[in-house]
Amino acid sequence: FDDDSFDIDSLENPPAPDPQSPAPKWQVAAAQVTTAAELAGSAHSESLPRVSPDDFAQGMTVMHPEHGPGKIVALSGAGKKRRATVRFPTAGEKRFVLAHSPLRPAGK
């Protein structure tokens, strides 16, 4: 490379900023992230009445306030001990005791 206008040392040792120069006029703005669950309106499911564990069925689409929509891929147990395995697109598979979970059937 025969171009004398390129100085490799300027990359390794950049000049110190001039304390007399004004601050840059651009600023970085913080982004507000909205989850799918918030967009779907289920972020406030804590204030809604609990859903009976018997209302859930395998293959049903459910909403979770943190993970968003998911599909029930397995159910086991009965009553207060009924459990569901739910597959979420972003969080993978999660297991829940339905009597104590924030899950809600989609659309309710």
C-alpha atoms as a PDB file:
ATOM      1  CA  PHE A   1       0.000   0.000   0.000  1.00  0.00           C
ATOM      2  CA  ASP A   2       1.800   3.078  -1.244  1.00  0.00           C
ATOM      3  CA  ASP A   3      -0.644   5.817  -0.191  1.00  0.00           C
ATOM      4  CA  ASP A   4       1.113   8.168   2.265  1.00  0.00           C
ATOM      5  CA  SER A   5      -2.165   9.796   3.388  1.00  0.00           C
ATOM      6  CA  PHE A   6      -3.066   6.745   5.501  1.00  0.00           C
ATOM      7  CA  ASP A   7      -1.419   6.614   8.917  1.00  0.00           C
ATOM      8  CA  ILE A   8      -1.839   3.322  10.825  1.00  0.00           C
ATOM      9  CA  ASP A   9      -0.676   4.963  14.060  1.00  0.00           C
ATOM     10  CA  SER A  10      -3.736   7.254  14.052  1.00  0.00           C
ATOM     11  CA  LEU A  11      -5.968   4.177  14.425  1.00  0.00           C
ATOM     12  CA  GLU A  12      -4.020   2.748  17.329  1.00  0.00           C
ATOM     13  CA  ASN A  13      -3.559   6.112  19.118  1.00  0.00           C
ATOM     14  CA  PRO A  14      -6.528   8.360  18.321  1.00  0.00           C
ATOM     15  CA  PRO A  15      -6.158  12.006  19.324  1.00  0.00           C
ATOM     16  CA  ALA A  16      -7.580  13.033  22.709  1.00  0.00           C
ATOM     17  CA  PRO A  17     -10.817  15.054  22.551  1.00  0.00           C
ATOM     18  CA  ASP A  18     -10.412  18.803  22.795  1.00  0.00           C
ATOM     19  CA  PRO A  19     -11.887  19.969  26.147  1.00  0.00           C
ATOM     20  CA  GLN A  20     -12.710  23.350  24.553  1.00  0.00           C
ATOM     21  CA  SER A  21     -14.884  21.861  21.799  1.00  0.00           C
ATOM     22  CA  PRO A  22     -18.673  21.771  22.349  1.00  0.00           C
ATOM     23  CA  ALA A  23     -20.394  18.513  23.217  1.00  0.00           C
ATOM     24  CA  PRO A  24     -21.895  16.599  20.303  1.00  0.00           C
ATOM     25  CA  LYS A  25     -25.432  17.641  19.388  1.00  0.00           C
ATOM     26  CA  TRP A  26     -26.754  14.093  19.042  1.00  0.00           C
ATOM     27  CA  GLN A  27     -28.073  12.039  21.924  1.00  0.00           C
ATOM     28  CA  VAL A  28     -28.910   8.365  22.310  1.00  0.00           C
ATOM     29  CA  ALA A  29     -32.543   7.775  23.209  1.00  0.00           C
ATOM     30  CA  ALA A  30     -33.579   4.827  25.373  1.00  0.00           C
ATOM     31  CA  ALA A  31     -35.957   2.417  23.659  1.00  0.00           C
ATOM     32  CA  GLN A  32     -39.258   1.395  25.235  1.00  0.00           C
ATOM     33  CA  VAL A  33     -39.877  -2.293  24.554  1.00  0.00           C
ATOM     34  CA  THR A  34     -43.426  -3.639  24.544  1.00  0.00           C
ATOM     35  CA  THR A  35     -43.919  -7.391  24.881  1.00  0.00           C
ATOM     36  CA  ALA A  36     -46.441  -9.371  22.859  1.00  0.00           C
ATOM     37  CA  ALA A  37     -48.319 -10.111  26.077  1.00  0.00           C
ATOM     38  CA  GLU A  38     -48.689  -6.382  26.782  1.00  0.00           C
ATOM     39  CA  LEU A  39     -49.891  -5.750  23.236  1.00  0.00           C
ATOM     40  CA  ALA A  40     -52.446  -8.546  23.620  1.00  0.00           C
ATOM     41  CA  GLY A  41     -53.712  -6.976  26.840  1.00  0.00           C
ATOM     42  CA  SER A  42     -52.847  -9.847  29.169  1.00  0.00           C
ATOM     43  CA  ALA A  43     -50.115  -8.030  31.075  1.00  0.00           C
ATOM     44  CA  HIS A  44     -52.626  -7.262  33.822  1.00  0.00           C
ATOM     45  CA  SER A  45     -53.845 -10.847  34.265  1.00  0.00           C
ATOM     46  CA  GLU A  46     -53.013 -10.693  37.990  1.00  0.00           C
ATOM     47  CA  SER A  47     -56.182  -8.641  38.543  1.00  0.00           C
ATOM     48  CA  LEU A  48     -58.370 -11.087  36.594  1.00  0.00           C
ATOM     49  CA  PRO A  49     -60.013 -14.073  38.297  1.00  0.00           C
ATOM     50  CA  ARG A  50     -58.140 -17.382  38.139  1.00  0.00           C
ATOM     51  CA  VAL A  51     -59.068 -19.890  35.465  1.00  0.00           C
ATOM     52  CA  SER A  52     -60.005 -23.400  36.584  1.00  0.00           C
ATOM     53  CA  PRO A  53     -57.308 -25.983  35.744  1.00  0.00           C
ATOM     54  CA  ASP A  54     -60.068 -28.023  34.073  1.00  0.00           C
ATOM     55  CA  ASP A  55     -60.624 -25.249  31.498  1.00  0.00           C
ATOM     56  CA  PHE A  56     -57.302 -26.034  29.796  1.00  0.00           C
ATOM     57  CA  ALA A  57     -56.957 -28.612  27.011  1.00  0.00           C
ATOM     58  CA  GLN A  58     -54.057 -30.058  25.042  1.00  0.00           C
ATOM     59  CA  GLY A  59     -53.461 -28.095  21.833  1.00  0.00           C
ATOM     60  CA  MET A  60     -55.055 -24.942  23.295  1.00  0.00           C
ATOM     61  CA  THR A  61     -53.376 -21.589  22.748  1.00  0.00           C
ATOM     62  CA  VAL A  62     -52.731 -19.765  26.023  1.00  0.00           C
ATOM     63  CA  MET A  63     -51.306 -16.392  27.029  1.00  0.00           C
ATOM     64  CA  HIS A  64     -48.602 -15.791  29.640  1.00  0.00           C
ATOM     65  CA  PRO A  65     -47.863 -12.241  30.865  1.00  0.00           C
ATOM     66  CA  GLU A  66     -44.091 -12.610  30.389  1.00  0.00           C
ATOM     67  CA  HIS A  67     -43.700 -15.204  27.602  1.00  0.00           C
ATOM     68  CA  GLY A  68     -46.706 -14.197  25.455  1.00  0.00           C
ATOM     69  CA  PRO A  69     -48.706 -16.761  23.476  1.00  0.00           C
ATOM     70  CA  GLY A  70     -47.933 -20.466  23.701  1.00  0.00           C
ATOM     71  CA  LYS A  71     -49.500 -23.830  22.943  1.00  0.00           C
ATOM     72  CA  ILE A  72     -50.243 -26.547  25.497  1.00  0.00           C
ATOM     73  CA  VAL A  73     -48.327 -29.632  24.341  1.00  0.00           C
ATOM     74  CA  ALA A  74     -48.966 -31.881  27.371  1.00  0.00           C
ATOM     75  CA  LEU A  75     -51.272 -32.113  30.400  1.00  0.00           C
ATOM     76  CA  SER A  76     -51.015 -34.310  33.486  1.00  0.00           C
ATOM     77  CA  GLY A  77     -52.663 -34.638  36.888  1.00  0.00           C
ATOM     78  CA  ALA A  78     -56.056 -33.386  38.006  1.00  0.00           C
ATOM     79  CA  GLY A  79     -57.601 -30.608  40.066  1.00  0.00           C
ATOM     80  CA  LYS A  80     -55.151 -28.395  41.957  1.00  0.00           C
ATOM     81  CA  LYS A  81     -52.239 -30.628  40.895  1.00  0.00           C
ATOM     82  CA  ARG A  82     -52.973 -30.429  37.155  1.00  0.00           C
ATOM     83  CA  ARG A  83     -49.845 -29.480  35.211  1.00  0.00           C
ATOM     84  CA  ALA A  84     -49.343 -28.222  31.677  1.00  0.00           C
ATOM     85  CA  THR A  85     -46.291 -28.121  29.456  1.00  0.00           C
ATOM     86  CA  VAL A  86     -46.517 -25.074  27.205  1.00  0.00           C
ATOM     87  CA  ARG A  87     -44.318 -24.382  24.175  1.00  0.00           C
ATOM     88  CA  PHE A  88     -43.574 -20.676  23.634  1.00  0.00           C
ATOM     89  CA  PRO A  89     -41.973 -19.433  20.384  1.00  0.00           C
ATOM     90  CA  THR A  90     -39.293 -17.415  22.200  1.00  0.00           C
ATOM     91  CA  ALA A  91     -39.000 -19.101  25.617  1.00  0.00           C
ATOM     92  CA  GLY A  92     -39.219 -22.776  24.622  1.00  0.00           C
ATOM     93  CA  GLU A  93     -41.101 -25.309  26.749  1.00  0.00           C
ATOM     94  CA  LYS A  94     -42.163 -24.383  30.286  1.00  0.00           C
ATOM     95  CA  ARG A  95     -44.098 -26.416  32.882  1.00  0.00           C
ATOM     96  CA  PHE A  96     -46.834 -24.904  35.035  1.00  0.00           C
ATOM     97  CA  VAL A  97     -49.060 -26.007  37.904  1.00  0.00           C
ATOM     98  CA  LEU A  98     -52.251 -24.597  36.408  1.00  0.00           C
ATOM     99  CA  ALA A  99     -53.944 -23.730  39.730  1.00  0.00           C
ATOM    100  CA  HIS A 100     -51.076 -21.331  40.536  1.00  0.00           C
ATOM    101  CA  SER A 101     -50.068 -20.102  37.079  1.00  0.00           C
ATOM    102  CA  PRO A 102     -50.771 -16.816  35.295  1.00  0.00           C
ATOM    103  CA  LEU A 103     -51.777 -18.730  32.138  1.00  0.00           C
ATOM    104  CA  ARG A 104     -55.066 -17.800  30.502  1.00  0.00           C
ATOM    105  CA  PRO A 105     -56.779 -19.323  27.489  1.00  0.00           C
ATOM    106  CA  ALA A 106     -56.123 -17.016  24.515  1.00  0.00           C
ATOM    107  CA  GLY A 107     -58.962 -14.583  23.964  1.00  0.00           C
ATOM    108  CA  LYS A 108     -60.200 -14.605  27.601  1.00  0.00           C
END
